[in-house]
Amino acid sequence: MNFPEIPDFLGCRTPDAWVQAALADQETLLIDHKNCEFKAASTALSLIAKYHAHVDLINMMSRLAREELVHHEQVLRLMKKRKVELRQLHAGRYASGLRKVVRSHEPVKLVDTLVVGAFIEARSCERFEALVPHLDEELGKFYFGLLKSEARHYQGYLKLAYQYGDAKDIAQVIDRVRAAEQELIESPDPEFRFHSGVPAW
């Protein structure tokens, strides 16, 4: 991986069974990837609205939202080119599972939310890296191009968490989120999504 700190940050690698499931169902992979980019932009915008006094957060999230929407449009173009039809996909368990470990009171709620954001971006980066060697040239090149931006987003979320939180507390938050994230990635999952666990279907 171009970003060796990401596997160290994450508790585990993507299981091979998930990679095989993704290669076997690239239509669902693309549709859910498109949805993830839109959700990432929406999350950034909601953080701007909620934490309107945090200038550094607003600047980063504004840039991030624009970039995620560009990725959303790029996936849509790929889908159109490949004749992948849009269809409704309900969200998988991943993001909601991570949100369960977020504390409900401020200012630690913001810190926990930022750490969760860092894990989501780091996992996205790691999944692109796991898929790239197995994809056709066009999709592989596109996903390889996303590696840098996902890594940058991971770093940005983590930097903000340390800016707005206490370093000792953040170390404990990272451990807590890492354990929850690893469980979601390594345990059987009844459906395939971009961030799903081990295929149980």
N, C-alpha and C. Protein backbone atom coordinates (compact mmCIF):
# COMPACT_ATOMS: atom_id res chain seq x y z
N MET A 1 0.85 -1.20 0.00
CA MET A 1 0.00 0.00 0.00
C MET A 1 0.88 1.24 0.00
N ASN A 2 0.40 2.28 -0.73
CA ASN A 2 1.14 3.54 -0.80
C ASN A 2 1.12 4.29 0.54
N PHE A 3 0.20 3.92 1.41
CA PHE A 3 0.03 4.61 2.69
C PHE A 3 0.14 3.57 3.81
N PRO A 4 1.38 3.23 4.19
CA PRO A 4 1.57 2.11 5.13
C PRO A 4 0.94 2.32 6.49
N GLU A 5 0.63 3.59 6.84
CA GLU A 5 0.04 3.82 8.16
C GLU A 5 -1.42 3.36 8.20
N ILE A 6 -2.06 3.21 7.04
CA ILE A 6 -3.48 2.87 7.03
C ILE A 6 -3.73 1.44 7.52
N PRO A 7 -3.01 0.42 7.03
CA PRO A 7 -3.20 -0.92 7.61
C PRO A 7 -2.89 -0.97 9.10
N ASP A 8 -1.93 -0.15 9.55
CA ASP A 8 -1.62 -0.10 10.98
C ASP A 8 -2.77 0.53 11.76
N PHE A 9 -3.40 1.53 11.16
CA PHE A 9 -4.52 2.23 11.81
C PHE A 9 -5.74 1.30 11.91
N LEU A 10 -6.01 0.57 10.82
CA LEU A 10 -7.13 -0.36 10.81
C LEU A 10 -6.78 -1.60 11.62
N GLY A 11 -7.77 -2.27 12.13
CA GLY A 11 -7.52 -3.47 12.92
C GLY A 11 -7.30 -4.73 12.11
N CYS A 12 -7.65 -4.68 10.81
CA CYS A 12 -7.55 -5.88 9.98
C CYS A 12 -7.54 -5.49 8.50
N ARG A 13 -7.11 -6.42 7.69
CA ARG A 13 -7.20 -6.26 6.23
C ARG A 13 -8.58 -6.72 5.76
N THR A 14 -8.94 -6.29 4.57
CA THR A 14 -10.17 -6.79 3.95
C THR A 14 -10.04 -8.29 3.67
N PRO A 15 -11.00 -9.10 4.12
CA PRO A 15 -10.93 -10.54 3.86
C PRO A 15 -11.00 -10.84 2.35
N ASP A 16 -10.29 -11.86 1.92
CA ASP A 16 -10.30 -12.25 0.51
C ASP A 16 -11.71 -12.59 0.03
N ALA A 17 -12.52 -13.14 0.92
CA ALA A 17 -13.89 -13.51 0.53
C ALA A 17 -14.69 -12.29 0.09
N TRP A 18 -14.44 -11.14 0.73
CA TRP A 18 -15.14 -9.92 0.31
C TRP A 18 -14.67 -9.49 -1.07
N VAL A 19 -13.36 -9.56 -1.32
CA VAL A 19 -12.82 -9.19 -2.64
C VAL A 19 -13.45 -10.05 -3.72
N GLN A 20 -13.55 -11.34 -3.48
CA GLN A 20 -14.16 -12.24 -4.48
C GLN A 20 -15.63 -11.90 -4.70
N ALA A 21 -16.34 -11.56 -3.62
CA ALA A 21 -17.76 -11.17 -3.75
C ALA A 21 -17.90 -9.89 -4.57
N ALA A 22 -16.98 -8.94 -4.34
CA ALA A 22 -17.02 -7.67 -5.07
C ALA A 22 -16.76 -7.89 -6.56
N LEU A 23 -15.81 -8.75 -6.89
CA LEU A 23 -15.50 -9.03 -8.31
C LEU A 23 -16.66 -9.74 -8.98
N ALA A 24 -17.39 -10.54 -8.21
CA ALA A 24 -18.52 -11.29 -8.78
C ALA A 24 -19.77 -10.43 -8.95
N ASP A 25 -19.84 -9.31 -8.25
CA ASP A 25 -21.02 -8.44 -8.31
C ASP A 25 -20.59 -6.98 -8.44
N GLN A 26 -19.97 -6.68 -9.56
CA GLN A 26 -19.45 -5.32 -9.75
C GLN A 26 -20.55 -4.28 -9.94
N GLU A 27 -21.73 -4.71 -10.38
CA GLU A 27 -22.85 -3.76 -10.50
C GLU A 27 -23.22 -3.21 -9.13
N THR A 28 -23.43 -4.12 -8.16
CA THR A 28 -23.77 -3.67 -6.80
C THR A 28 -22.63 -2.87 -6.21
N LEU A 29 -21.38 -3.29 -6.48
CA LEU A 29 -20.21 -2.56 -5.99
C LEU A 29 -20.26 -1.10 -6.45
N LEU A 30 -20.53 -0.89 -7.74
CA LEU A 30 -20.55 0.47 -8.29
C LEU A 30 -21.72 1.28 -7.74
N ILE A 31 -22.89 0.65 -7.65
CA ILE A 31 -24.06 1.37 -7.14
C ILE A 31 -23.84 1.80 -5.69
N ASP A 32 -23.32 0.87 -4.87
CA ASP A 32 -23.11 1.21 -3.48
C ASP A 32 -21.94 2.18 -3.31
N HIS A 33 -20.93 2.06 -4.16
CA HIS A 33 -19.83 3.03 -4.13
C HIS A 33 -20.37 4.44 -4.42
N LYS A 34 -21.23 4.55 -5.44
CA LYS A 34 -21.85 5.84 -5.75
C LYS A 34 -22.60 6.37 -4.52
N ASN A 35 -23.36 5.49 -3.88
CA ASN A 35 -24.11 5.90 -2.69
C ASN A 35 -23.18 6.36 -1.56
N CYS A 36 -22.06 5.66 -1.40
CA CYS A 36 -21.10 6.03 -0.35
C CYS A 36 -20.51 7.41 -0.59
N GLU A 37 -20.21 7.73 -1.85
CA GLU A 37 -19.66 9.06 -2.16
C GLU A 37 -20.67 10.14 -1.83
N PHE A 38 -21.93 9.89 -2.14
CA PHE A 38 -22.98 10.87 -1.84
C PHE A 38 -23.15 11.03 -0.33
N LYS A 39 -23.13 9.89 0.40
CA LYS A 39 -23.27 9.95 1.86
C LYS A 39 -22.09 10.69 2.50
N ALA A 40 -20.89 10.49 1.94
CA ALA A 40 -19.70 11.16 2.47
C ALA A 40 -19.84 12.67 2.31
N ALA A 41 -20.34 13.10 1.16
CA ALA A 41 -20.56 14.53 0.93
C ALA A 41 -21.64 15.06 1.88
N SER A 42 -22.72 14.29 2.04
CA SER A 42 -23.82 14.70 2.93
C SER A 42 -23.35 14.82 4.37
N THR A 43 -22.51 13.87 4.81
CA THR A 43 -21.97 13.91 6.17
C THR A 43 -21.14 15.17 6.38
N ALA A 44 -20.29 15.48 5.40
CA ALA A 44 -19.46 16.69 5.50
C ALA A 44 -20.32 17.94 5.61
N LEU A 45 -21.36 18.02 4.81
CA LEU A 45 -22.24 19.19 4.85
C LEU A 45 -22.99 19.28 6.18
N SER A 46 -23.41 18.13 6.70
CA SER A 46 -24.13 18.16 7.99
C SER A 46 -23.21 18.58 9.13
N LEU A 47 -21.92 18.22 9.04
CA LEU A 47 -20.96 18.66 10.06
C LEU A 47 -20.75 20.17 9.99
N ILE A 48 -20.73 20.72 8.76
CA ILE A 48 -20.62 22.18 8.60
C ILE A 48 -21.81 22.87 9.25
N ALA A 49 -23.01 22.32 9.01
CA ALA A 49 -24.22 22.94 9.56
C ALA A 49 -24.26 22.86 11.08
N LYS A 50 -23.78 21.74 11.63
CA LYS A 50 -23.89 21.52 13.07
C LYS A 50 -22.80 22.25 13.85
N TYR A 51 -21.58 22.29 13.28
CA TYR A 51 -20.45 22.86 14.01
C TYR A 51 -19.97 24.13 13.30
N HIS A 52 -20.88 25.10 13.19
CA HIS A 52 -20.65 26.30 12.38
C HIS A 52 -19.66 27.27 13.00
N ALA A 53 -19.21 26.99 14.24
CA ALA A 53 -18.22 27.87 14.86
C ALA A 53 -16.79 27.35 14.69
N HIS A 54 -16.64 26.20 14.08
CA HIS A 54 -15.33 25.56 13.93
C HIS A 54 -14.79 25.84 12.52
N VAL A 55 -13.98 26.88 12.40
CA VAL A 55 -13.55 27.36 11.07
C VAL A 55 -12.74 26.30 10.32
N ASP A 56 -11.80 25.66 10.99
CA ASP A 56 -10.96 24.66 10.31
C ASP A 56 -11.79 23.48 9.83
N LEU A 57 -12.74 23.07 10.65
CA LEU A 57 -13.65 21.99 10.25
C LEU A 57 -14.46 22.39 9.02
N ILE A 58 -14.99 23.60 9.03
CA ILE A 58 -15.80 24.07 7.89
C ILE A 58 -14.97 24.07 6.61
N ASN A 59 -13.75 24.58 6.68
CA ASN A 59 -12.89 24.63 5.49
C ASN A 59 -12.61 23.24 4.94
N MET A 60 -12.24 22.31 5.83
CA MET A 60 -11.93 20.96 5.36
C MET A 60 -13.16 20.25 4.80
N MET A 61 -14.28 20.36 5.52
CA MET A 61 -15.49 19.65 5.11
C MET A 61 -16.07 20.23 3.82
N SER A 62 -15.89 21.52 3.61
CA SER A 62 -16.35 22.12 2.35
C SER A 62 -15.58 21.54 1.17
N ARG A 63 -14.26 21.45 1.32
CA ARG A 63 -13.44 20.86 0.25
C ARG A 63 -13.77 19.38 0.06
N LEU A 64 -13.94 18.69 1.19
CA LEU A 64 -14.23 17.26 1.13
C LEU A 64 -15.56 17.00 0.43
N ALA A 65 -16.58 17.77 0.77
CA ALA A 65 -17.90 17.58 0.15
C ALA A 65 -17.83 17.77 -1.36
N ARG A 66 -17.10 18.80 -1.81
CA ARG A 66 -16.96 19.03 -3.26
C ARG A 66 -16.28 17.84 -3.93
N GLU A 67 -15.22 17.36 -3.29
CA GLU A 67 -14.47 16.25 -3.88
C GLU A 67 -15.30 14.97 -3.93
N GLU A 68 -16.05 14.69 -2.86
CA GLU A 68 -16.88 13.49 -2.84
C GLU A 68 -17.99 13.56 -3.90
N LEU A 69 -18.54 14.75 -4.13
CA LEU A 69 -19.56 14.89 -5.17
C LEU A 69 -18.97 14.70 -6.56
N VAL A 70 -17.74 15.13 -6.77
CA VAL A 70 -17.06 14.85 -8.05
C VAL A 70 -16.90 13.35 -8.23
N HIS A 71 -16.49 12.65 -7.17
CA HIS A 71 -16.36 11.18 -7.25
C HIS A 71 -17.71 10.54 -7.54
N HIS A 72 -18.77 11.06 -6.92
CA HIS A 72 -20.14 10.57 -7.15
C HIS A 72 -20.49 10.68 -8.63
N GLU A 73 -20.17 11.82 -9.23
CA GLU A 73 -20.45 12.02 -10.66
C GLU A 73 -19.58 11.10 -11.53
N GLN A 74 -18.33 10.88 -11.11
CA GLN A 74 -17.44 10.00 -11.88
C GLN A 74 -17.96 8.56 -11.87
N VAL A 75 -18.45 8.10 -10.71
CA VAL A 75 -19.00 6.73 -10.64
C VAL A 75 -20.26 6.65 -11.50
N LEU A 76 -21.08 7.68 -11.46
CA LEU A 76 -22.29 7.70 -12.30
C LEU A 76 -21.93 7.58 -13.78
N ARG A 77 -20.88 8.29 -14.21
CA ARG A 77 -20.47 8.21 -15.62
C ARG A 77 -20.00 6.81 -15.98
N LEU A 78 -19.23 6.20 -15.07
CA LEU A 78 -18.78 4.82 -15.29
C LEU A 78 -19.96 3.87 -15.39
N MET A 79 -20.93 4.05 -14.52
CA MET A 79 -22.12 3.20 -14.54
C MET A 79 -22.87 3.34 -15.85
N LYS A 80 -23.02 4.58 -16.32
CA LYS A 80 -23.72 4.82 -17.58
C LYS A 80 -22.98 4.15 -18.74
N LYS A 81 -21.65 4.29 -18.75
CA LYS A 81 -20.83 3.69 -19.79
C LYS A 81 -20.95 2.18 -19.79
N ARG A 82 -21.07 1.60 -18.60
CA ARG A 82 -21.14 0.14 -18.46
C ARG A 82 -22.58 -0.38 -18.44
N LYS A 83 -23.52 0.54 -18.68
CA LYS A 83 -24.95 0.19 -18.71
C LYS A 83 -25.42 -0.46 -17.40
N VAL A 84 -24.91 0.09 -16.30
CA VAL A 84 -25.37 -0.34 -14.98
C VAL A 84 -26.53 0.56 -14.57
N GLU A 85 -27.71 -0.02 -14.44
CA GLU A 85 -28.90 0.78 -14.14
C GLU A 85 -28.97 1.13 -12.66
N LEU A 86 -29.43 2.34 -12.40
CA LEU A 86 -29.64 2.77 -11.02
C LEU A 86 -30.77 1.95 -10.39
N ARG A 87 -30.55 1.49 -9.19
CA ARG A 87 -31.61 0.82 -8.43
C ARG A 87 -31.42 1.12 -6.95
N GLN A 88 -32.50 1.00 -6.22
CA GLN A 88 -32.47 1.30 -4.79
C GLN A 88 -31.66 0.25 -4.05
N LEU A 89 -30.74 0.69 -3.24
CA LEU A 89 -29.99 -0.21 -2.35
C LEU A 89 -30.12 0.36 -0.95
N HIS A 90 -30.67 -0.42 -0.04
CA HIS A 90 -30.71 0.10 1.33
C HIS A 90 -29.31 0.01 1.94
N ALA A 91 -29.05 0.87 2.89
CA ALA A 91 -27.71 0.95 3.49
C ALA A 91 -27.36 -0.34 4.21
N GLY A 92 -26.10 -0.69 4.17
CA GLY A 92 -25.62 -1.84 4.93
C GLY A 92 -25.47 -1.48 6.41
N ARG A 93 -24.89 -2.39 7.15
CA ARG A 93 -24.82 -2.24 8.61
C ARG A 93 -23.62 -1.41 9.06
N TYR A 94 -22.67 -1.14 8.15
CA TYR A 94 -21.35 -0.63 8.53
C TYR A 94 -21.41 0.73 9.23
N ALA A 95 -21.92 1.74 8.56
CA ALA A 95 -21.92 3.09 9.12
C ALA A 95 -22.75 3.16 10.40
N SER A 96 -23.92 2.53 10.39
CA SER A 96 -24.77 2.56 11.59
C SER A 96 -24.11 1.81 12.73
N GLY A 97 -23.37 0.73 12.41
CA GLY A 97 -22.65 -0.01 13.43
C GLY A 97 -21.57 0.83 14.08
N LEU A 98 -20.86 1.64 13.27
CA LEU A 98 -19.83 2.52 13.83
C LEU A 98 -20.44 3.65 14.65
N ARG A 99 -21.58 4.15 14.20
CA ARG A 99 -22.22 5.26 14.92
C ARG A 99 -22.65 4.85 16.34
N LYS A 100 -22.83 3.55 16.55
CA LYS A 100 -23.26 3.08 17.87
C LYS A 100 -22.22 3.36 18.95
N VAL A 101 -20.96 3.50 18.55
CA VAL A 101 -19.91 3.73 19.56
C VAL A 101 -19.66 5.23 19.80
N VAL A 102 -20.37 6.09 19.08
CA VAL A 102 -20.20 7.54 19.25
C VAL A 102 -20.94 7.99 20.51
N ARG A 103 -20.22 8.68 21.39
CA ARG A 103 -20.85 9.19 22.61
C ARG A 103 -21.84 10.31 22.27
N SER A 104 -22.83 10.48 23.12
CA SER A 104 -23.97 11.34 22.77
C SER A 104 -23.83 12.79 23.24
N HIS A 105 -22.78 13.11 24.00
CA HIS A 105 -22.66 14.48 24.55
C HIS A 105 -21.43 15.17 23.95
N GLU A 106 -21.54 16.48 23.84
CA GLU A 106 -20.43 17.29 23.31
C GLU A 106 -19.48 17.68 24.45
N PRO A 107 -18.21 17.95 24.16
CA PRO A 107 -17.60 18.00 22.83
C PRO A 107 -17.10 16.65 22.31
N VAL A 108 -17.26 15.59 23.13
CA VAL A 108 -16.70 14.29 22.73
C VAL A 108 -17.49 13.66 21.57
N LYS A 109 -18.74 14.05 21.40
CA LYS A 109 -19.50 13.53 20.26
C LYS A 109 -18.84 13.93 18.95
N LEU A 110 -18.39 15.18 18.85
CA LEU A 110 -17.69 15.64 17.64
C LEU A 110 -16.41 14.84 17.44
N VAL A 111 -15.63 14.67 18.48
CA VAL A 111 -14.37 13.94 18.38
C VAL A 111 -14.62 12.50 17.92
N ASP A 112 -15.58 11.83 18.53
CA ASP A 112 -15.90 10.45 18.15
C ASP A 112 -16.36 10.38 16.70
N THR A 113 -17.17 11.35 16.28
CA THR A 113 -17.67 11.38 14.89
C THR A 113 -16.52 11.55 13.91
N LEU A 114 -15.55 12.38 14.27
CA LEU A 114 -14.39 12.59 13.39
C LEU A 114 -13.52 11.33 13.31
N VAL A 115 -13.37 10.64 14.43
CA VAL A 115 -12.59 9.38 14.42
C VAL A 115 -13.31 8.33 13.57
N VAL A 116 -14.62 8.24 13.70
CA VAL A 116 -15.39 7.31 12.85
C VAL A 116 -15.19 7.66 11.38
N GLY A 117 -15.23 8.96 11.06
CA GLY A 117 -14.99 9.40 9.69
C GLY A 117 -13.62 8.97 9.18
N ALA A 118 -12.61 9.06 10.07
CA ALA A 118 -11.26 8.63 9.69
C ALA A 118 -11.23 7.14 9.37
N PHE A 119 -11.93 6.34 10.15
CA PHE A 119 -11.95 4.89 9.89
C PHE A 119 -12.66 4.56 8.58
N ILE A 120 -13.77 5.25 8.31
CA ILE A 120 -14.50 4.99 7.06
C ILE A 120 -13.63 5.31 5.85
N GLU A 121 -12.95 6.44 5.90
CA GLU A 121 -12.08 6.84 4.78
C GLU A 121 -10.88 5.90 4.65
N ALA A 122 -10.29 5.50 5.79
CA ALA A 122 -9.16 4.58 5.76
C ALA A 122 -9.58 3.23 5.19
N ARG A 123 -10.75 2.74 5.59
CA ARG A 123 -11.23 1.46 5.05
C ARG A 123 -11.52 1.56 3.57
N SER A 124 -12.08 2.68 3.14
CA SER A 124 -12.33 2.87 1.70
C SER A 124 -11.02 2.79 0.92
N CYS A 125 -10.02 3.48 1.42
CA CYS A 125 -8.70 3.47 0.79
C CYS A 125 -8.16 2.04 0.72
N GLU A 126 -8.25 1.31 1.82
CA GLU A 126 -7.73 -0.06 1.88
C GLU A 126 -8.50 -0.98 0.94
N ARG A 127 -9.81 -0.75 0.79
CA ARG A 127 -10.61 -1.60 -0.10
C ARG A 127 -10.28 -1.31 -1.57
N PHE A 128 -10.11 -0.05 -1.92
CA PHE A 128 -9.69 0.27 -3.29
C PHE A 128 -8.38 -0.45 -3.61
N GLU A 129 -7.45 -0.38 -2.65
CA GLU A 129 -6.13 -0.99 -2.85
C GLU A 129 -6.25 -2.51 -3.02
N ALA A 130 -7.17 -3.13 -2.27
CA ALA A 130 -7.38 -4.58 -2.36
C ALA A 130 -7.99 -4.98 -3.70
N LEU A 131 -8.81 -4.10 -4.27
CA LEU A 131 -9.52 -4.42 -5.51
C LEU A 131 -8.69 -4.16 -6.77
N VAL A 132 -7.88 -3.11 -6.74
CA VAL A 132 -7.21 -2.62 -7.95
C VAL A 132 -6.51 -3.72 -8.77
N PRO A 133 -5.74 -4.62 -8.17
CA PRO A 133 -5.02 -5.60 -8.99
C PRO A 133 -5.93 -6.57 -9.75
N HIS A 134 -7.20 -6.66 -9.34
CA HIS A 134 -8.11 -7.66 -9.92
C HIS A 134 -9.10 -7.07 -10.92
N LEU A 135 -9.10 -5.76 -11.08
CA LEU A 135 -10.11 -5.10 -11.91
C LEU A 135 -9.63 -4.90 -13.34
N ASP A 136 -10.57 -4.65 -14.24
CA ASP A 136 -10.20 -4.29 -15.61
C ASP A 136 -9.46 -2.95 -15.59
N GLU A 137 -8.80 -2.62 -16.68
CA GLU A 137 -7.90 -1.46 -16.71
C GLU A 137 -8.62 -0.16 -16.36
N GLU A 138 -9.80 0.04 -16.91
CA GLU A 138 -10.52 1.29 -16.69
C GLU A 138 -10.92 1.48 -15.23
N LEU A 139 -11.56 0.46 -14.66
CA LEU A 139 -12.02 0.57 -13.28
C LEU A 139 -10.83 0.55 -12.31
N GLY A 140 -9.82 -0.25 -12.63
CA GLY A 140 -8.62 -0.31 -11.79
C GLY A 140 -7.91 1.03 -11.73
N LYS A 141 -7.81 1.69 -12.88
CA LYS A 141 -7.16 3.00 -12.92
C LYS A 141 -7.97 4.03 -12.13
N PHE A 142 -9.28 3.97 -12.25
CA PHE A 142 -10.15 4.90 -11.53
C PHE A 142 -10.00 4.70 -10.02
N TYR A 143 -10.08 3.45 -9.56
CA TYR A 143 -9.98 3.18 -8.13
C TYR A 143 -8.58 3.50 -7.60
N PHE A 144 -7.56 3.25 -8.38
CA PHE A 144 -6.20 3.60 -7.96
C PHE A 144 -6.10 5.12 -7.78
N GLY A 145 -6.77 5.87 -8.66
CA GLY A 145 -6.76 7.32 -8.56
C GLY A 145 -7.46 7.84 -7.31
N LEU A 146 -8.38 7.04 -6.75
CA LEU A 146 -9.11 7.46 -5.55
C LEU A 146 -8.33 7.20 -4.26
N LEU A 147 -7.30 6.37 -4.35
CA LEU A 147 -6.53 6.01 -3.15
C LEU A 147 -6.01 7.25 -2.41
N LYS A 148 -5.42 8.17 -3.16
CA LYS A 148 -4.80 9.35 -2.54
C LYS A 148 -5.84 10.22 -1.84
N SER A 149 -6.97 10.43 -2.50
CA SER A 149 -7.97 11.32 -1.89
C SER A 149 -8.56 10.70 -0.63
N GLU A 150 -8.82 9.38 -0.66
CA GLU A 150 -9.36 8.73 0.54
C GLU A 150 -8.36 8.79 1.69
N ALA A 151 -7.07 8.60 1.36
CA ALA A 151 -6.03 8.69 2.40
C ALA A 151 -5.94 10.11 2.96
N ARG A 152 -6.07 11.09 2.09
CA ARG A 152 -6.03 12.48 2.53
C ARG A 152 -7.22 12.80 3.43
N HIS A 153 -8.39 12.27 3.08
CA HIS A 153 -9.58 12.48 3.90
C HIS A 153 -9.41 11.83 5.27
N TYR A 154 -8.87 10.63 5.29
CA TYR A 154 -8.60 9.94 6.57
C TYR A 154 -7.69 10.80 7.45
N GLN A 155 -6.62 11.32 6.85
CA GLN A 155 -5.68 12.15 7.60
C GLN A 155 -6.35 13.43 8.09
N GLY A 156 -7.20 14.01 7.26
CA GLY A 156 -7.90 15.25 7.63
C GLY A 156 -8.85 15.06 8.79
N TYR A 157 -9.62 13.97 8.75
CA TYR A 157 -10.54 13.68 9.85
C TYR A 157 -9.77 13.49 11.16
N LEU A 158 -8.68 12.73 11.08
CA LEU A 158 -7.91 12.45 12.29
C LEU A 158 -7.25 13.72 12.84
N LYS A 159 -6.74 14.55 11.95
CA LYS A 159 -6.12 15.81 12.38
C LYS A 159 -7.13 16.68 13.12
N LEU A 160 -8.35 16.77 12.60
CA LEU A 160 -9.39 17.57 13.27
C LEU A 160 -9.76 16.97 14.62
N ALA A 161 -9.81 15.64 14.70
CA ALA A 161 -10.13 14.99 15.98
C ALA A 161 -9.11 15.40 17.04
N TYR A 162 -7.82 15.39 16.69
CA TYR A 162 -6.79 15.79 17.65
C TYR A 162 -6.84 17.28 17.95
N GLN A 163 -7.30 18.06 16.97
CA GLN A 163 -7.40 19.51 17.19
C GLN A 163 -8.50 19.84 18.20
N TYR A 164 -9.61 19.11 18.12
CA TYR A 164 -10.77 19.43 18.96
C TYR A 164 -10.89 18.55 20.20
N GLY A 165 -9.99 17.57 20.34
CA GLY A 165 -10.10 16.66 21.48
C GLY A 165 -8.81 16.54 22.27
N ASP A 166 -8.86 15.71 23.28
CA ASP A 166 -7.70 15.43 24.14
C ASP A 166 -7.00 14.17 23.62
N ALA A 167 -5.68 14.24 23.45
CA ALA A 167 -4.93 13.16 22.81
C ALA A 167 -5.11 11.83 23.54
N LYS A 168 -5.10 11.86 24.87
CA LYS A 168 -5.25 10.62 25.64
C LYS A 168 -6.63 10.01 25.41
N ASP A 169 -7.66 10.85 25.40
CA ASP A 169 -9.01 10.36 25.15
C ASP A 169 -9.14 9.82 23.73
N ILE A 170 -8.53 10.51 22.77
CA ILE A 170 -8.63 10.09 21.37
C ILE A 170 -8.00 8.72 21.17
N ALA A 171 -6.89 8.43 21.86
CA ALA A 171 -6.27 7.11 21.76
C ALA A 171 -7.26 6.03 22.19
N GLN A 172 -8.05 6.30 23.22
CA GLN A 172 -9.05 5.33 23.68
C GLN A 172 -10.21 5.23 22.69
N VAL A 173 -10.59 6.37 22.11
CA VAL A 173 -11.65 6.37 21.10
C VAL A 173 -11.23 5.53 19.89
N ILE A 174 -9.99 5.73 19.44
CA ILE A 174 -9.49 4.98 18.29
C ILE A 174 -9.52 3.48 18.58
N ASP A 175 -9.10 3.09 19.77
CA ASP A 175 -9.14 1.67 20.13
C ASP A 175 -10.56 1.13 20.11
N ARG A 176 -11.50 1.92 20.62
CA ARG A 176 -12.90 1.49 20.69
C ARG A 176 -13.51 1.37 19.29
N VAL A 177 -13.27 2.37 18.46
CA VAL A 177 -13.81 2.34 17.10
C VAL A 177 -13.13 1.24 16.29
N ARG A 178 -11.81 1.07 16.48
CA ARG A 178 -11.08 0.02 15.74
C ARG A 178 -11.69 -1.36 16.03
N ALA A 179 -11.99 -1.64 17.28
CA ALA A 179 -12.56 -2.94 17.65
C ALA A 179 -13.93 -3.14 17.00
N ALA A 180 -14.75 -2.09 17.02
CA ALA A 180 -16.08 -2.19 16.41
C ALA A 180 -15.97 -2.36 14.89
N GLU A 181 -15.04 -1.62 14.28
CA GLU A 181 -14.85 -1.68 12.83
C GLU A 181 -14.35 -3.05 12.41
N GLN A 182 -13.41 -3.59 13.15
CA GLN A 182 -12.87 -4.91 12.83
C GLN A 182 -13.96 -5.98 12.92
N GLU A 183 -14.80 -5.88 13.92
CA GLU A 183 -15.92 -6.83 14.06
C GLU A 183 -16.84 -6.76 12.85
N LEU A 184 -17.15 -5.55 12.39
CA LEU A 184 -18.03 -5.38 11.23
C LEU A 184 -17.40 -5.93 9.95
N ILE A 185 -16.09 -5.82 9.82
CA ILE A 185 -15.39 -6.25 8.61
C ILE A 185 -15.16 -7.76 8.59
N GLU A 186 -14.90 -8.34 9.76
CA GLU A 186 -14.51 -9.76 9.81
C GLU A 186 -15.66 -10.72 10.12
N SER A 187 -16.79 -10.20 10.58
CA SER A 187 -17.90 -11.10 10.92
C SER A 187 -18.80 -11.33 9.71
N PRO A 188 -19.57 -12.43 9.71
CA PRO A 188 -20.47 -12.73 8.58
C PRO A 188 -21.50 -11.61 8.38
N ASP A 189 -21.72 -11.28 7.12
CA ASP A 189 -22.65 -10.20 6.76
C ASP A 189 -23.66 -10.76 5.77
N PRO A 190 -24.96 -10.55 6.01
CA PRO A 190 -25.97 -11.16 5.13
C PRO A 190 -26.09 -10.51 3.74
N GLU A 191 -25.44 -9.36 3.52
CA GLU A 191 -25.56 -8.71 2.21
C GLU A 191 -24.24 -8.11 1.78
N PHE A 192 -24.09 -7.94 0.47
CA PHE A 192 -22.87 -7.36 -0.06
C PHE A 192 -23.02 -5.85 -0.23
N ARG A 193 -22.08 -5.12 0.34
CA ARG A 193 -21.99 -3.68 0.16
C ARG A 193 -20.50 -3.31 0.11
N PHE A 194 -20.21 -2.05 -0.24
CA PHE A 194 -18.81 -1.63 -0.35
C PHE A 194 -18.06 -1.82 0.97
N HIS A 195 -18.76 -1.63 2.11
CA HIS A 195 -18.13 -1.78 3.41
C HIS A 195 -18.65 -3.00 4.18
N SER A 196 -19.18 -3.99 3.48
CA SER A 196 -19.75 -5.14 4.18
C SER A 196 -18.68 -6.06 4.73
N GLY A 197 -19.12 -6.99 5.58
CA GLY A 197 -18.22 -7.94 6.19
C GLY A 197 -18.02 -9.18 5.33
N VAL A 198 -17.71 -10.29 5.97
CA VAL A 198 -17.47 -11.54 5.25
C VAL A 198 -18.78 -12.07 4.69
N PRO A 199 -18.82 -12.40 3.40
CA PRO A 199 -20.08 -12.84 2.79
C PRO A 199 -20.70 -14.02 3.52
N ALA A 200 -21.97 -13.89 3.84
CA ALA A 200 -22.71 -14.97 4.51
C ALA A 200 -23.87 -15.45 3.64
N TRP A 201 -23.85 -15.03 2.34
CA TRP A 201 -24.96 -15.42 1.47
C TRP A 201 -24.57 -16.60 0.62
